[in-house]
Structures are given as C-alpha cells and as structure tokens.
Protein backbone atom coordinates (compact mmCIF):
# COMPACT_ATOMS: atom_id res chain seq x y z
CA MET A 1 -45.48 -21.44 -35.52
CA GLY A 2 -48.92 -22.42 -34.22
CA SER A 3 -52.20 -20.63 -34.49
CA PRO A 4 -53.03 -17.75 -32.11
CA VAL A 5 -54.76 -18.68 -28.89
CA VAL A 6 -58.39 -17.62 -29.14
CA HIS A 7 -60.07 -16.67 -25.87
CA THR A 8 -63.26 -18.63 -26.43
CA SER A 9 -65.40 -20.36 -23.85
CA GLU A 10 -65.36 -24.12 -23.38
CA GLY A 11 -68.31 -26.14 -22.23
CA ASP A 12 -71.03 -24.48 -20.19
CA SER A 13 -68.80 -22.54 -17.79
CA ALA A 14 -70.11 -19.04 -17.22
CA ALA A 15 -66.62 -18.05 -16.14
CA ARG A 16 -65.16 -19.19 -19.45
CA ALA A 17 -67.64 -17.04 -21.32
CA LEU A 18 -66.73 -14.10 -19.06
CA LEU A 19 -62.99 -14.54 -19.62
CA ALA A 20 -63.50 -14.83 -23.37
CA ALA A 21 -64.82 -11.26 -23.34
CA THR A 22 -62.71 -9.65 -20.60
CA PRO A 23 -58.93 -10.02 -20.28
CA LEU A 24 -57.88 -11.76 -17.08
CA ILE A 25 -54.75 -9.85 -16.01
CA ASP A 26 -52.74 -11.64 -13.35
CA GLY A 27 -50.49 -9.43 -11.25
CA HIS A 28 -47.58 -11.74 -10.52
CA ASN A 29 -46.04 -14.89 -12.02
CA ASP A 30 -42.53 -16.15 -11.22
CA LEU A 31 -41.99 -18.39 -14.26
CA PRO A 32 -38.89 -16.37 -15.31
CA TRP A 33 -37.12 -17.12 -12.02
CA ALA A 34 -38.24 -20.75 -12.10
CA LEU A 35 -36.59 -21.09 -15.52
CA ARG A 36 -33.45 -19.35 -14.26
CA GLU A 37 -33.19 -21.80 -11.38
CA LEU A 38 -33.53 -24.71 -13.79
CA PHE A 39 -31.19 -23.51 -16.56
CA GLY A 40 -28.97 -20.75 -15.15
CA ALA A 41 -28.58 -17.02 -15.55
CA ASP A 42 -28.09 -16.89 -19.32
CA PRO A 43 -31.43 -15.65 -20.71
CA THR A 44 -31.20 -17.65 -23.94
CA ALA A 45 -30.46 -20.89 -22.10
CA ALA A 46 -33.33 -20.28 -19.69
CA ALA A 47 -35.76 -19.35 -22.47
CA THR A 48 -34.92 -22.41 -24.54
CA GLY A 49 -34.44 -24.96 -21.77
CA ARG A 50 -38.06 -26.10 -21.87
CA ASP A 51 -40.53 -26.34 -24.75
CA LEU A 52 -43.31 -24.32 -23.16
CA THR A 53 -45.72 -25.32 -25.91
CA LEU A 54 -45.79 -28.73 -24.17
CA ASP A 55 -47.18 -29.55 -20.76
CA GLN A 56 -44.61 -29.00 -18.00
CA PRO A 57 -45.76 -31.04 -15.00
CA ASP A 58 -43.20 -29.50 -12.63
CA LEU A 59 -44.15 -25.91 -13.50
CA HIS A 60 -47.35 -24.05 -12.71
CA THR A 61 -47.09 -22.18 -16.02
CA ASP A 62 -46.69 -23.14 -19.66
CA LEU A 63 -48.41 -21.97 -22.82
CA ALA A 64 -51.04 -24.71 -22.77
CA LYS A 65 -51.96 -23.88 -19.17
CA LEU A 66 -52.14 -20.16 -20.00
CA ALA A 67 -54.59 -20.96 -22.78
CA ARG A 68 -56.64 -23.28 -20.57
CA GLY A 69 -56.77 -20.61 -17.87
CA GLN A 70 -57.73 -17.95 -20.45
CA VAL A 71 -55.03 -15.63 -19.15
CA GLY A 72 -55.38 -12.48 -21.25
CA GLY A 73 -52.61 -10.50 -19.59
CA GLN A 74 -49.72 -11.50 -17.34
CA PHE A 75 -47.31 -9.42 -15.28
CA TRP A 76 -44.17 -11.55 -15.49
CA SER A 77 -42.06 -11.01 -12.37
CA VAL A 78 -38.47 -10.05 -13.08
CA TYR A 79 -37.47 -10.98 -9.55
CA VAL A 80 -34.09 -10.59 -7.88
CA PRO A 81 -33.40 -12.31 -4.51
CA CYS A 82 -32.24 -10.14 -1.63
CA SER A 83 -28.97 -12.09 -1.54
CA LEU A 84 -27.98 -10.13 -4.66
CA THR A 85 -27.17 -6.48 -4.02
CA GLY A 86 -25.60 -3.53 -5.81
CA HIS A 87 -24.36 -4.16 -9.33
CA SER A 88 -25.12 -7.89 -9.02
CA ALA A 89 -28.79 -7.12 -8.44
CA VAL A 90 -28.90 -4.74 -11.41
CA THR A 91 -27.27 -7.36 -13.63
CA ALA A 92 -29.72 -10.02 -12.49
CA VAL A 93 -32.80 -7.91 -13.15
CA LEU A 94 -31.51 -7.06 -16.63
CA GLU A 95 -30.97 -10.76 -17.31
CA GLN A 96 -34.51 -11.53 -16.16
CA ILE A 97 -35.96 -8.78 -18.35
CA GLU A 98 -34.07 -10.19 -21.31
CA LEU A 99 -35.38 -13.67 -20.49
CA VAL A 100 -38.98 -12.43 -20.72
CA HIS A 101 -38.25 -10.66 -24.00
CA GLU A 102 -36.71 -13.89 -25.33
CA LEU A 103 -39.79 -15.90 -24.33
CA ILE A 104 -42.02 -13.40 -26.14
CA ALA A 105 -39.82 -13.48 -29.24
CA ARG A 106 -39.83 -17.30 -29.29
CA HIS A 107 -43.62 -17.53 -29.03
CA PRO A 108 -45.07 -14.61 -31.05
CA ASP A 109 -48.25 -16.57 -31.77
CA ARG A 110 -48.97 -16.92 -28.03
CA LEU A 111 -47.35 -13.91 -26.33
CA ALA A 112 -46.86 -10.22 -27.11
CA LEU A 113 -45.24 -7.43 -25.13
CA ALA A 114 -47.60 -4.82 -23.70
CA THR A 115 -46.51 -1.62 -21.97
CA THR A 116 -49.81 0.28 -21.97
CA ALA A 117 -53.45 -0.50 -21.22
CA ASP A 118 -54.35 -0.02 -24.89
CA GLN A 119 -51.70 -2.54 -25.90
CA VAL A 120 -53.05 -5.07 -23.40
CA GLU A 121 -56.47 -4.81 -25.02
CA GLN A 122 -55.01 -5.02 -28.53
CA VAL A 123 -53.00 -8.15 -27.70
CA PHE A 124 -56.00 -9.75 -26.02
CA ALA A 125 -58.11 -9.03 -29.11
CA SER A 126 -55.49 -10.85 -31.20
CA GLY A 127 -55.96 -14.02 -29.14
CA ARG A 128 -52.60 -13.84 -27.39
CA THR A 129 -51.51 -13.22 -23.80
CA ALA A 130 -50.39 -9.65 -23.19
CA SER A 131 -47.02 -9.82 -21.46
CA LEU A 132 -46.18 -7.08 -18.98
CA LEU A 133 -43.11 -6.89 -16.73
CA GLY A 134 -42.99 -6.20 -13.01
CA ALA A 135 -39.69 -5.87 -11.11
CA GLU A 136 -39.86 -7.48 -7.66
CA GLY A 137 -37.54 -5.89 -5.12
CA GLY A 138 -36.38 -2.27 -5.09
CA HIS A 139 -32.82 -3.39 -4.33
CA CYS A 140 -32.55 -4.17 -8.06
CA ILE A 141 -32.11 -0.45 -8.85
CA ALA A 142 -29.13 -0.17 -6.43
CA GLU A 143 -30.33 3.24 -5.23
CA SER A 144 -30.09 4.66 -8.77
CA LEU A 145 -32.95 6.62 -10.32
CA GLY A 146 -31.10 6.19 -13.61
CA ALA A 147 -31.41 2.42 -13.26
CA LEU A 148 -35.11 2.84 -12.48
CA ARG A 149 -35.56 4.86 -15.68
CA ALA A 150 -33.69 2.20 -17.65
CA LEU A 151 -36.03 -0.51 -16.34
CA HIS A 152 -38.99 1.53 -17.50
CA ARG A 153 -37.42 1.98 -20.93
CA LEU A 154 -37.05 -1.81 -21.16
CA GLY A 155 -40.75 -2.32 -20.51
CA VAL A 156 -41.02 -2.71 -16.72
CA ARG A 157 -44.35 -1.31 -15.57
CA TYR A 158 -44.25 -1.88 -11.84
CA LEU A 159 -41.62 -1.99 -9.13
CA THR A 160 -42.27 -3.80 -5.85
CA LEU A 161 -40.56 -1.40 -3.45
CA THR A 162 -39.00 -4.17 -1.34
CA HIS A 163 -38.81 -7.91 -1.27
CA ASN A 164 -38.26 -9.76 2.02
CA ASP A 165 -35.44 -7.53 3.33
CA SER A 166 -35.70 -3.88 4.30
CA LEU A 167 -33.73 -1.35 2.29
CA SER A 168 -32.10 1.88 3.40
CA TRP A 169 -35.03 3.66 1.74
CA ALA A 170 -38.04 1.35 2.28
CA ASP A 171 -39.06 -1.12 4.98
CA SER A 172 -40.15 -4.69 4.30
CA ALA A 173 -43.00 -6.52 6.03
CA THR A 174 -40.68 -9.41 6.90
CA ASP A 175 -37.60 -7.62 8.24
CA GLU A 176 -36.60 -5.06 10.84
CA PRO A 177 -37.28 -1.44 9.81
CA ARG A 178 -34.46 0.72 8.49
CA ALA A 179 -36.21 3.67 6.84
CA GLY A 180 -39.17 4.35 9.11
CA GLY A 181 -41.49 3.55 6.20
CA LEU A 182 -39.98 5.53 3.34
CA SER A 183 -36.85 7.64 3.54
CA GLU A 184 -36.47 10.88 1.61
CA PHE A 185 -34.88 8.88 -1.20
CA GLY A 186 -37.77 6.42 -1.05
CA GLU A 187 -40.19 9.30 -1.60
CA ARG A 188 -38.08 10.36 -4.60
CA VAL A 189 -38.35 6.81 -5.99
CA VAL A 190 -42.14 6.94 -5.74
CA ALA A 191 -42.25 10.38 -7.34
CA GLU A 192 -40.03 9.20 -10.19
CA MET A 193 -42.21 6.16 -10.74
CA ASN A 194 -45.22 8.47 -10.98
CA ARG A 195 -43.37 10.61 -13.52
CA LEU A 196 -42.47 7.54 -15.58
CA GLY A 197 -45.92 5.98 -15.40
CA MET A 198 -44.59 2.94 -13.49
CA LEU A 199 -46.97 1.45 -10.94
CA VAL A 200 -45.93 1.53 -7.28
CA ASP A 201 -46.33 -2.04 -5.99
CA LEU A 202 -46.84 -2.30 -2.23
CA SER A 203 -46.79 -6.07 -1.83
CA HIS A 204 -43.97 -7.17 0.51
CA VAL A 205 -43.63 -3.76 2.19
CA ALA A 206 -44.22 -2.89 5.85
CA ASP A 207 -47.46 -1.23 6.94
CA THR A 208 -45.56 2.00 7.53
CA THR A 209 -44.23 1.87 3.97
CA MET A 210 -47.72 1.25 2.61
CA ARG A 211 -49.06 4.33 4.38
CA ALA A 212 -46.09 6.52 3.45
CA ALA A 213 -46.31 5.55 -0.23
CA LEU A 214 -50.06 6.18 -0.30
CA GLU A 215 -49.42 9.67 1.10
CA VAL A 216 -46.73 10.48 -1.47
CA THR A 217 -47.98 8.94 -4.69
CA THR A 218 -49.98 10.92 -7.24
CA ALA A 219 -51.08 7.77 -9.10
CA PRO A 220 -52.97 4.64 -8.02
CA VAL A 221 -50.91 1.87 -6.43
CA VAL A 222 -51.17 -1.89 -6.73
CA PHE A 223 -50.60 -4.72 -4.32
CA SER A 224 -49.53 -7.21 -6.99
CA HIS A 225 -49.82 -10.35 -4.84
CA SER A 226 -51.20 -9.83 -1.32
CA SER A 227 -54.31 -10.86 0.59
CA CYS A 228 -56.22 -9.66 3.68
CA ARG A 229 -54.67 -9.70 7.14
CA ALA A 230 -58.09 -9.67 8.84
CA VAL A 231 -58.75 -13.08 7.26
CA THR A 232 -55.22 -14.54 7.62
CA ASP A 233 -52.90 -12.88 10.11
CA HIS A 234 -49.65 -12.81 8.15
CA PRO A 235 -47.38 -9.74 7.79
CA ARG A 236 -47.39 -10.12 4.00
CA ASN A 237 -51.11 -9.39 3.97
CA VAL A 238 -52.72 -5.95 4.04
CA PRO A 239 -54.46 -4.71 7.22
CA ASP A 240 -57.96 -3.31 6.95
CA ASP A 241 -56.92 0.22 7.91
CA VAL A 242 -54.65 0.29 4.85
CA LEU A 243 -57.25 -1.38 2.64
CA GLU A 244 -59.64 1.42 3.58
CA LEU A 245 -57.21 3.92 2.03
CA ILE A 246 -57.17 2.22 -1.38
CA PRO A 247 -60.46 3.61 -2.74
CA GLY A 248 -59.28 7.18 -2.12
CA ASN A 249 -56.08 6.41 -4.03
CA GLY A 250 -57.83 4.51 -6.82
CA GLY A 251 -55.53 1.51 -6.49
CA VAL A 252 -56.08 -2.24 -6.64
CA LEU A 253 -55.47 -5.12 -4.21
CA MET A 254 -54.56 -8.18 -6.30
CA VAL A 255 -55.47 -11.12 -4.07
CA THR A 256 -52.86 -13.86 -4.06
CA PHE A 257 -53.06 -17.63 -3.71
CA VAL A 258 -49.91 -18.27 -1.61
CA PRO A 259 -51.15 -20.85 0.94
CA ARG A 260 -49.59 -19.30 4.04
CA PHE A 261 -51.14 -15.95 3.10
CA VAL A 262 -54.67 -17.28 2.60
CA SER A 263 -55.03 -20.03 5.24
CA GLY A 264 -54.95 -19.28 8.95
CA ALA A 265 -53.95 -22.85 9.75
CA ILE A 266 -51.00 -22.68 7.37
CA ALA A 267 -50.01 -19.24 8.70
CA GLU A 268 -49.79 -20.76 12.20
CA TRP A 269 -47.72 -23.67 10.87
CA ASP A 270 -45.50 -21.19 9.01
CA ALA A 271 -44.94 -19.22 12.23
CA GLU A 272 -43.78 -22.47 13.85
CA LEU A 273 -41.42 -23.03 10.92
CA ALA A 274 -40.06 -19.49 11.30
CA ALA A 275 -39.38 -20.07 15.01
CA ALA A 276 -37.59 -23.35 14.28
CA MET A 277 -35.48 -21.69 11.61
CA ALA A 278 -34.56 -18.81 13.89
CA ALA A 279 -33.49 -21.28 16.60
CA ALA A 280 -31.26 -23.00 14.05
CA GLY A 281 -29.78 -19.73 12.80
CA ALA A 282 -31.58 -19.90 9.44
CA LYS A 283 -33.46 -17.02 7.84
CA HIS A 284 -37.14 -17.63 7.18
CA ALA A 285 -37.40 -14.65 4.82
CA ASP A 286 -34.69 -16.12 2.57
CA LEU A 287 -36.50 -18.36 0.08
CA ALA A 288 -33.49 -20.61 -0.53
CA ASP A 289 -32.84 -20.94 3.21
CA ARG A 290 -36.48 -21.83 3.78
CA ARG A 291 -36.45 -24.49 1.07
CA ARG A 292 -33.30 -26.11 2.45
CA PHE A 293 -34.52 -26.09 6.05
CA LEU A 294 -37.97 -27.39 5.16
CA ALA A 295 -36.53 -30.41 3.36
CA SER A 296 -35.35 -31.91 6.65
CA TRP A 297 -37.58 -30.21 9.27
CA SER A 298 -39.59 -32.71 11.32
CA GLY A 299 -42.69 -30.51 11.16
CA ARG A 300 -42.92 -30.42 7.39
CA HIS A 301 -45.43 -33.29 7.28
CA ARG A 302 -47.88 -31.37 9.50
CA GLN A 303 -48.39 -28.65 6.89
CA PRO A 304 -52.14 -28.12 6.30
CA ARG A 305 -53.58 -27.60 2.81
CA ALA A 306 -55.24 -24.42 1.56
CA THR A 307 -58.22 -24.57 -0.79
CA ILE A 308 -59.90 -22.38 -3.35
CA GLU A 309 -62.48 -21.55 -0.66
CA ASP A 310 -59.75 -19.82 1.37
CA VAL A 311 -58.97 -17.55 -1.58
CA LEU A 312 -62.66 -16.82 -2.19
CA ALA A 313 -63.00 -15.80 1.47
CA HIS A 314 -60.26 -13.19 0.98
CA LEU A 315 -62.01 -11.83 -2.09
CA ASP A 316 -65.31 -11.64 -0.21
CA HIS A 317 -63.68 -9.76 2.67
CA ALA A 318 -61.78 -7.39 0.39
CA ARG A 319 -64.96 -6.54 -1.48
CA GLU A 320 -66.59 -5.56 1.81
CA VAL A 321 -63.68 -3.29 2.78
CA VAL A 322 -62.46 -1.72 -0.47
CA GLY A 323 -65.31 -2.35 -2.89
CA VAL A 324 -65.29 -4.34 -6.11
CA ASP A 325 -63.72 -1.48 -8.10
CA HIS A 326 -60.41 -2.00 -6.29
CA LEU A 327 -59.84 -5.75 -6.60
CA GLY A 328 -57.72 -7.90 -8.88
CA ILE A 329 -55.85 -11.22 -8.92
CA GLY A 330 -52.14 -11.94 -8.39
CA GLY A 331 -51.70 -15.69 -8.15
CA ASP A 332 -47.91 -15.93 -7.57
CA TYR A 333 -47.72 -19.09 -9.68
CA ASP A 334 -44.25 -20.64 -9.87
CA GLY A 335 -43.31 -18.48 -6.89
CA CYS A 336 -44.29 -20.99 -4.21
CA ALA A 337 -44.02 -24.76 -3.93
CA GLU A 338 -47.71 -25.51 -3.51
CA LEU A 339 -51.00 -23.87 -4.41
CA PRO A 340 -54.46 -24.23 -2.88
CA VAL A 341 -56.54 -27.25 -3.82
CA GLY A 342 -58.56 -26.20 -6.87
CA LEU A 343 -55.97 -23.66 -8.04
CA ARG A 344 -53.08 -25.95 -8.90
CA ASP A 345 -51.77 -24.01 -11.92
CA VAL A 346 -52.59 -21.07 -14.22
CA GLY A 347 -55.13 -23.21 -16.01
CA SER A 348 -57.37 -22.98 -12.91
CA TYR A 349 -58.58 -19.39 -13.29
CA PRO A 350 -62.03 -20.29 -14.69
CA ALA A 351 -62.66 -22.33 -11.54
CA LEU A 352 -61.91 -19.27 -9.40
CA PHE A 353 -64.40 -17.12 -11.29
CA ASP A 354 -67.00 -19.90 -11.32
CA GLY A 355 -66.56 -19.86 -7.54
CA LEU A 356 -67.21 -16.12 -7.38
CA LEU A 357 -70.28 -16.42 -9.60
CA ALA A 358 -71.58 -19.24 -7.39
CA ARG A 359 -71.22 -16.93 -4.38
CA GLY A 360 -73.48 -14.38 -6.04
CA TRP A 361 -70.93 -12.07 -7.60
CA SER A 362 -72.30 -10.54 -10.79
CA ALA A 363 -70.64 -11.02 -14.17
CA GLU A 364 -69.93 -7.29 -14.23
CA ASP A 365 -68.19 -7.44 -10.86
CA CYS A 366 -66.16 -10.48 -11.93
CA ALA A 367 -65.08 -8.65 -15.09
CA LYS A 368 -63.78 -5.80 -12.94
CA VAL A 369 -61.79 -8.19 -10.78
CA ALA A 370 -60.47 -10.11 -13.79
CA GLY A 371 -58.92 -7.14 -15.53
CA ARG A 372 -60.97 -3.99 -15.91
CA ASN A 373 -59.77 -2.55 -12.61
CA VAL A 374 -56.12 -3.12 -13.48
CA LEU A 375 -56.59 -1.56 -16.92
CA ARG A 376 -58.07 1.51 -15.21
CA VAL A 377 -55.08 1.75 -12.89
CA LEU A 378 -52.65 1.44 -15.81
CA ARG A 379 -54.47 4.22 -17.64
CA SER A 380 -54.44 6.41 -14.52
CA ALA A 381 -50.67 5.94 -14.16
CA GLU A 382 -50.22 6.77 -17.85
CA ALA A 383 -52.30 9.93 -17.40
CA VAL A 384 -50.14 11.13 -14.50
CA ALA A 385 -46.86 10.37 -16.27
CA ASP A 386 -44.71 12.93 -18.03
CA PRO A 387 -45.70 12.52 -21.72
CA ARG A 388 -42.02 12.67 -22.67
CA CYS A 389 -41.33 9.37 -20.87
C-alpha cells in the first residue's frame, strides 16, 4: 500500500495552490463503464483488470492522473445504457456500484467512499480522493421507488433522470417526448429523491423535464455534465431561460468538456453525423451505434477539434447568466472518445483553473467553482432529507 496522495501545489501554478486548499469535485466520470467494456460485467474482474496505480495511456483516468489533476472529490458514474431495461438495467447498475466499491477497497490509500459533504471534506483532508456515486439513467430503477431507495442505501447520491432515451416518466433531450416533461410518477421520483437526500441530476433531460423538475423539487438540483446552449447549440446543453432559474433553486451547472457540447463547429459536424446515421437506419443517441457507424463514415476525418478555450467560454457565459455561486465542473472523462486540446485527461484540471485565473477570475470564485458550490448543494439536499434516511 502506498502513501496517501497529498494535495500540495507543484511549481508556481496558482491553480495548484488553489486546489491544494479547496477540493476539486468533478461531477461525472465514466471510468467504471470503461472498465466494464474492457473486462466484462463481473465487478471483481473489471476492478482488477488494470493496475490503476500505473499510467493507463488508453484511459482518461487512473490514480496517477487523479493525483496530478488534484481531484479532491469524484462522482463516479454508475451508468447503464438505454439498451438495458427492466431487471437487466437494475442488475447492471448494481454491478457498477459494486465495481466502484471494489475500486475503493483495492486502493484505500488513494480513494475513500463519501456520502455526505462532511465526509468529502474529511477524505480530502486525509490526502485522498473522495469517491461519490452518481447513477446515470433513470431507467436503472425500473419504475421502482424501492430500487431508488436501495441505490441510496448503497451510496448513490445523484440520479440522472434520463439518459439518451425518453422514459414513460421523464423526457430526454435526445429522444421524442413520452411524458410531457415529467409524469405524475416522475414527480414522485423527484419527491422521493428529495426525501432521501439524493441530488436530482438534470443533465440529459429535455427542457420541459428541466422546468418540471425545478418546479417540483424542494432541494437544489445539479446538471452533472452539461454546458450552455447559447454558446453551443446542442440539445444536451442548457438554454439560458433554464439557467436563469438555477439561482432561485440554489443548484449548480457543472460545465462539461464533451467536444460536441462545447464547440459550435463540432456540434455542426455532429448534426451531419446524426443525419447520416438516420439515413442509414442507425441511432445517433445509442453510444455503441455511434461508435460503430463513425468507424467507417466518410466524414469522420472532417471532425474539428475543441480546445480548452471553448470550455472557458462556456464558464464565462454561465457566470454571466447564473452567477459564480452556481457553477461547477463535470468533465465526462472516459465517457467520450476525445477531449478538448489542453484537457486530455483528469490530470489537466490545474490548467483549466489557471485559464480561469488568467481571464481575471478571482481565487475565491475559482474555489467556488472547484468544489465549494457542490458542497453547499450536498448540504442543502441533506438538510431537506428525512433524517431517518
């Protein structure tokens, strides 16, 4: 067992000094699914398939990169693809939760489970990365509030209401509507999440679902990995009229790095890809379908590149609309094939905050974006929750 990772600054980077004092809490990382795709559904096999203490060139995330990026807290995504439904989806999310718990158990000097804001701060103070769980895709509860409660008991602290497909009870941003925003059952899901102290995650959902959830919830929401539609016109981003509602709710927009969400040129190229897939009978919203189609599509070589400046532009715009008290970061590392130039893996976070400081953001404002805002939201959700949960 190695020594604990100490969050100290390196060199003269002002961002490194900032992140040594304030936990950077990233809202979304898909390493668990990346490991499942490499080594299969068995959590032990996936957790032991790679030595994450060593550099993994084909992954955006490993323990050395987490240390280099000074990641103080990470929401690990326990994602389930929309191709899995019903009991299969429930089984898959349980396997992914177990995978994260296995990773934590295998690396106790580097990682520790956190289910509350206080625990995040305690783990950060110990020099480790606080590991939180976020379930991506409401289909993983199979329309069972009992399953939702079980996820909470196992440590899950947010649920993304949909993934890329609409549900009977919540509409997705990338599918045809089925619920008209939120159905009556969808409202019950939000209310139960409030009672449990589980954050309502509005990334991936339709605008109508965003507004409906903001009307129903009694706790702050998060957008765990979304950016600004006014900057990049993509349905996965959040329109300004919804962003303007966030301060009244107390929630946080966690700006993501996904290239097609942060670059207008890539969003246009992605729309061309979607049209080509539709013409060929393939489904753009299906990640596996998209990967297969892209491998042989003639337009793949025309894909532009996003840069760190694109991400900084989204943060600048979001600050103007929602204010610095309602911003965070949700990189979506290991959830997309490429990242913007300058943000190639989780070790790049100091560069992002150096970029904000260079644009005139204060150290105090950067500390809020890094993690203080998310800690406030976690505490607000805990305060609303039934103390018996």
